[in-house]
Amino acid sequence: MTLLQVEGASKRFGSLVAIDDVSLTIEPGELRAIIGPNGAGKTTFFNLVSGLFAPTAGSIRFEGRDIAALAPDERVRRGMSRTFQITEVFPELSVADNIRVAVEVASGYRLRPWLGAEARAAVAARVAELLSLGGLADKSHMRAGALSHGDQRAAEIMMSLALRPRLLMLDEPTAGMGDQETYDIARLIRRLHRREGLTIMLIEHDMRVVFNLADRIMVLAEGRVLAEGAPQEIADSEKVQAAYLGKAAA
């Protein structure tokens, strides 16, 4: 079954058309990248899919069910999770406690003042699993606010994974990073996609990351789909080169 199907989605803010008749289909296990120049509508599109904005027109279906009217938390419960351009962690808590909070919420323990021994053990095991997956096991005791930007992003991604999403949405996961941090986060995303089989949709400005990770790429320009296809098709597209990659079309 198709995981995500967006058909004819549009979003208007008064006279401004931010998203104009955008359609997209994502299959389970796919890694889809969304690229485009600043102001192209990438984050607005993410906000439509994740429920922060309601579409002005069009439909959004997740695992065959219409979710266009669902609130963001309801979409999370159905299996969607996302990160934002600005990394969001609890800076005064340790890395392990950041992830523990997410695991307890995902396990339904948010309002419990105490946990039984079995529940504590299950939470601890899941926290250890996510720390290892994110390459953070040796930094678990550190205050999250003291981590490098790249490690904070890795911790945030692991917090999103605590929800056991079927679709993980990453908004500019390497923004503001140097080459080594970018490499480390790209390697983490590849590991989540290939080893864990996670379906991922990401917005990314670094074309090295996009062309090395994505199965398919959708290019937005002025709120509309300019092109869509495999990485090589996008790299070879003259209209993409002219509008986005900064090369004049032949």
Protein backbone atom coordinates (compact mmCIF):
# COMPACT_ATOMS: atom_id res chain seq x y z
CA MET A 1 0.00 0.00 0.00
CA THR A 2 1.20 3.51 -0.82
CA LEU A 3 2.35 5.22 2.36
CA LEU A 4 1.73 8.88 1.51
CA GLN A 5 -0.35 10.27 -1.33
CA VAL A 6 -0.78 14.00 -1.83
CA GLU A 7 -3.03 15.06 -4.71
CA GLY A 8 -3.44 18.60 -5.98
CA ALA A 9 -2.43 20.22 -2.69
CA SER A 10 -2.58 24.02 -2.60
CA LYS A 11 -2.13 26.56 0.16
CA ARG A 12 -3.07 30.21 -0.06
CA PHE A 13 -2.37 32.95 2.45
CA GLY A 14 -4.70 35.67 1.22
CA SER A 15 -3.51 36.55 -2.27
CA LEU A 16 -0.22 34.66 -1.83
CA VAL A 17 -0.16 31.18 -3.35
CA ALA A 18 2.52 29.33 -1.37
CA ILE A 19 1.75 25.83 -2.73
CA ASP A 20 0.00 25.40 -6.05
CA ASP A 21 -1.41 22.04 -7.16
CA VAL A 22 1.38 19.84 -5.80
CA SER A 23 1.04 16.06 -5.97
CA LEU A 24 3.41 13.45 -4.56
CA THR A 25 3.36 9.72 -3.84
CA ILE A 26 5.76 7.95 -1.48
CA GLU A 27 6.01 4.19 -1.21
CA PRO A 28 7.11 2.32 1.94
CA GLY A 29 10.91 2.21 2.30
CA GLU A 30 11.53 5.15 -0.03
CA LEU A 31 13.79 8.11 0.65
CA ARG A 32 12.35 11.16 -1.09
CA ALA A 33 14.12 14.52 -1.20
CA ILE A 34 12.42 17.86 -1.81
CA ILE A 35 14.61 20.65 -3.11
CA GLY A 36 14.15 24.11 -4.52
CA PRO A 37 15.33 27.70 -4.13
CA ASN A 38 14.47 29.79 -1.09
CA GLY A 39 10.77 30.62 -1.05
CA ALA A 40 9.86 27.66 -3.25
CA GLY A 41 7.33 26.35 -0.71
CA LYS A 42 9.25 23.37 0.67
CA THR A 43 8.57 23.93 4.37
CA THR A 44 5.00 25.00 3.65
CA PHE A 45 4.50 21.67 1.91
CA PHE A 46 5.95 19.87 4.96
CA ASN A 47 3.56 21.84 7.15
CA LEU A 48 0.62 20.67 5.03
CA VAL A 49 1.67 17.04 5.31
CA SER A 50 2.40 17.20 9.05
CA GLY A 51 -0.80 19.10 9.85
CA LEU A 52 0.52 22.51 10.91
CA PHE A 53 -1.37 24.03 7.98
CA ALA A 54 -4.68 22.93 6.49
CA PRO A 55 -4.67 22.72 2.68
CA THR A 56 -6.72 25.27 0.78
CA ALA A 57 -7.38 22.57 -1.80
CA GLY A 58 -6.37 19.00 -2.53
CA SER A 59 -6.16 15.79 -0.52
CA ILE A 60 -3.58 14.14 1.75
CA ARG A 61 -3.82 10.42 2.42
CA PHE A 62 -1.62 8.35 4.72
CA GLU A 63 -1.82 4.58 4.36
CA GLY A 64 -4.97 5.08 2.32
CA ARG A 65 -6.77 7.24 4.90
CA ASP A 66 -7.66 10.89 4.39
CA ILE A 67 -5.75 12.88 7.03
CA ALA A 68 -6.22 16.42 5.69
CA ALA A 69 -8.47 17.35 8.63
CA LEU A 70 -6.38 15.68 11.34
CA ALA A 71 -4.40 17.70 13.92
CA PRO A 72 -0.60 17.22 14.07
CA ASP A 73 -0.74 15.03 17.19
CA GLU A 74 -3.28 12.74 15.56
CA ARG A 75 -0.97 12.36 12.56
CA VAL A 76 1.88 11.47 14.91
CA ARG A 77 -0.27 8.76 16.46
CA ARG A 78 -0.94 7.40 12.98
CA GLY A 79 2.80 7.06 12.31
CA MET A 80 4.19 10.40 11.10
CA SER A 81 7.05 12.26 12.80
CA ARG A 82 9.10 15.30 11.80
CA THR A 83 11.97 17.53 12.78
CA PHE A 84 12.24 21.25 12.12
CA GLN A 85 14.93 23.54 10.70
CA ILE A 86 15.83 24.72 14.21
CA THR A 87 17.01 21.82 16.37
CA GLU A 88 14.72 21.26 19.36
CA VAL A 89 16.14 19.44 22.38
CA PHE A 90 15.91 20.01 26.14
CA PRO A 91 19.31 21.67 26.60
CA GLU A 92 19.56 21.24 30.39
CA LEU A 93 18.76 17.52 30.33
CA SER A 94 21.28 14.82 29.50
CA VAL A 95 21.19 13.20 26.08
CA ALA A 96 19.81 10.00 27.63
CA ASP A 97 17.08 11.92 29.49
CA ASN A 98 16.07 13.74 26.30
CA ILE A 99 15.53 10.43 24.60
CA ARG A 100 13.93 8.93 27.71
CA VAL A 101 11.29 11.67 27.73
CA ALA A 102 10.42 10.85 24.11
CA VAL A 103 10.34 7.11 24.78
CA GLU A 104 8.06 7.51 27.80
CA VAL A 105 5.68 9.72 25.84
CA ALA A 106 5.64 7.25 22.94
CA SER A 107 4.97 4.40 25.40
CA GLY A 108 1.99 6.20 26.95
CA TYR A 109 3.71 6.97 30.26
CA ARG A 110 3.61 10.77 30.00
CA LEU A 111 1.25 11.36 32.94
CA ARG A 112 2.47 8.57 35.22
CA PRO A 113 4.33 9.73 38.36
CA TRP A 114 6.18 6.42 38.59
CA LEU A 115 6.81 3.31 36.52
CA GLY A 116 6.93 -0.32 37.54
CA ALA A 117 10.11 -2.34 37.21
CA GLU A 118 9.04 -3.96 33.93
CA ALA A 119 8.12 -0.63 32.35
CA ARG A 120 11.36 0.99 33.54
CA ALA A 121 13.37 -1.84 32.04
CA ALA A 122 11.53 -1.57 28.71
CA VAL A 123 12.09 2.19 28.59
CA ALA A 124 15.78 1.81 29.48
CA ALA A 125 16.26 -0.81 26.76
CA ARG A 126 14.64 1.42 24.14
CA VAL A 127 16.71 4.43 25.22
CA ALA A 128 19.91 2.36 24.96
CA GLU A 129 18.86 1.13 21.51
CA LEU A 130 18.28 4.68 20.24
CA LEU A 131 21.50 6.01 21.76
CA SER A 132 23.42 3.28 19.96
CA LEU A 133 21.58 3.82 16.68
CA GLY A 134 22.30 7.55 16.80
CA GLY A 135 25.97 7.10 17.66
CA LEU A 136 25.40 8.83 20.99
CA ALA A 137 26.04 6.04 23.51
CA ASP A 138 29.35 7.50 24.69
CA LYS A 139 27.72 10.94 25.12
CA SER A 140 24.58 9.80 26.90
CA HIS A 141 25.55 11.50 30.18
CA MET A 142 26.35 14.86 28.58
CA ARG A 143 24.01 17.82 28.80
CA ALA A 144 22.29 18.11 25.43
CA GLY A 145 22.99 21.83 25.27
CA ALA A 146 26.73 21.11 25.43
CA LEU A 147 26.71 18.86 22.36
CA SER A 148 27.91 19.95 18.94
CA HIS A 149 25.23 21.06 16.51
CA GLY A 150 25.51 17.78 14.63
CA ASP A 151 25.12 15.66 17.77
CA GLN A 152 22.14 17.74 18.88
CA ARG A 153 20.54 17.03 15.51
CA ALA A 154 21.26 13.32 15.90
CA ALA A 155 19.66 13.39 19.36
CA GLU A 156 16.59 15.16 17.95
CA ILE A 157 16.26 12.54 15.21
CA MET A 158 16.47 9.78 17.79
CA MET A 159 13.74 11.49 19.81
CA SER A 160 11.57 11.45 16.69
CA LEU A 161 12.34 7.76 16.19
CA ALA A 162 11.16 7.03 19.73
CA LEU A 163 7.66 7.47 18.30
CA ARG A 164 8.30 4.52 15.96
CA PRO A 165 7.15 6.45 12.88
CA ARG A 166 6.41 4.85 9.54
CA LEU A 167 7.25 8.18 7.87
CA LEU A 168 10.07 10.40 9.17
CA MET A 169 10.12 13.95 7.82
CA LEU A 170 13.42 15.86 8.14
CA ASP A 171 13.46 19.60 7.44
CA GLU A 172 16.98 20.76 6.51
CA PRO A 173 18.77 18.15 8.68
CA THR A 174 22.28 19.43 7.81
CA ALA A 175 21.55 23.18 7.94
CA GLY A 176 24.38 25.18 9.49
CA MET A 177 26.82 22.27 9.62
CA GLY A 178 30.41 21.94 8.51
CA ASP A 179 31.62 19.18 6.24
CA GLN A 180 32.26 16.59 8.95
CA GLU A 181 28.93 17.11 10.70
CA THR A 182 27.14 17.03 7.37
CA TYR A 183 28.85 13.74 6.55
CA ASP A 184 27.93 12.27 9.93
CA ILE A 185 24.25 13.22 9.67
CA ALA A 186 24.05 11.99 6.07
CA ARG A 187 25.57 8.69 7.18
CA LEU A 188 22.99 8.46 10.00
CA ILE A 189 20.13 9.10 7.57
CA ARG A 190 21.50 6.46 5.20
CA ARG A 191 21.71 4.00 8.09
CA LEU A 192 18.12 4.67 9.12
CA HIS A 193 16.93 4.26 5.56
CA ARG A 194 18.93 1.25 4.43
CA ARG A 195 19.53 -0.72 7.62
CA GLU A 196 16.35 0.13 9.51
CA GLY A 197 14.14 0.30 6.42
CA LEU A 198 12.64 3.64 7.46
CA THR A 199 10.65 5.70 4.97
CA ILE A 200 12.07 9.23 4.91
CA MET A 201 11.05 12.48 3.27
CA LEU A 202 13.57 15.28 3.63
CA ILE A 203 14.10 18.88 2.62
CA GLU A 204 17.76 19.54 2.01
CA HIS A 205 19.86 22.36 0.60
CA ASP A 206 23.13 20.45 0.28
CA MET A 207 23.10 18.80 -3.13
CA ARG A 208 25.85 16.38 -2.11
CA VAL A 209 23.53 14.96 0.51
CA VAL A 210 20.52 14.92 -1.80
CA PHE A 211 22.14 13.15 -4.73
CA ASN A 212 23.90 10.60 -2.52
CA LEU A 213 20.85 9.65 -0.45
CA ALA A 214 17.62 10.11 -2.36
CA ASP A 215 15.76 7.46 -4.34
CA ARG A 216 13.68 10.19 -5.99
CA ILE A 217 13.74 13.98 -5.92
CA MET A 218 10.93 16.50 -6.25
CA VAL A 219 11.94 20.04 -7.23
CA LEU A 220 9.68 22.92 -6.20
CA ALA A 221 9.83 26.42 -7.65
CA GLU A 222 7.40 29.20 -6.77
CA GLY A 223 5.11 26.69 -5.08
CA ARG A 224 4.77 24.36 -8.04
CA VAL A 225 6.45 21.11 -9.06
CA LEU A 226 9.21 21.96 -11.51
CA ALA A 227 10.48 18.39 -11.94
CA GLU A 228 10.40 14.98 -10.32
CA GLY A 229 12.49 11.90 -10.91
CA ALA A 230 15.54 9.84 -10.04
CA PRO A 231 18.69 11.77 -9.03
CA GLN A 232 20.32 11.43 -12.44
CA GLU A 233 17.18 12.68 -14.20
CA ILE A 234 17.12 15.74 -11.97
CA ALA A 235 20.84 16.38 -12.44
CA ASP A 236 20.39 16.19 -16.23
CA SER A 237 17.26 18.37 -16.36
CA GLU A 238 17.96 21.64 -18.15
CA LYS A 239 15.02 23.42 -16.51
CA VAL A 240 16.26 22.37 -13.06
CA GLN A 241 19.76 23.54 -13.92
CA ALA A 242 18.40 26.88 -15.09
CA ALA A 243 16.00 27.47 -12.19
CA TYR A 244 17.87 25.92 -9.29
CA LEU A 245 21.37 24.69 -9.91
CA GLY A 246 22.44 28.00 -11.42
CA LYS A 247 23.35 26.77 -14.89
CA ALA A 248 21.97 28.21 -18.07
CA ALA A 249 19.88 25.86 -20.12
CA ALA A 250 21.35 24.97 -23.47
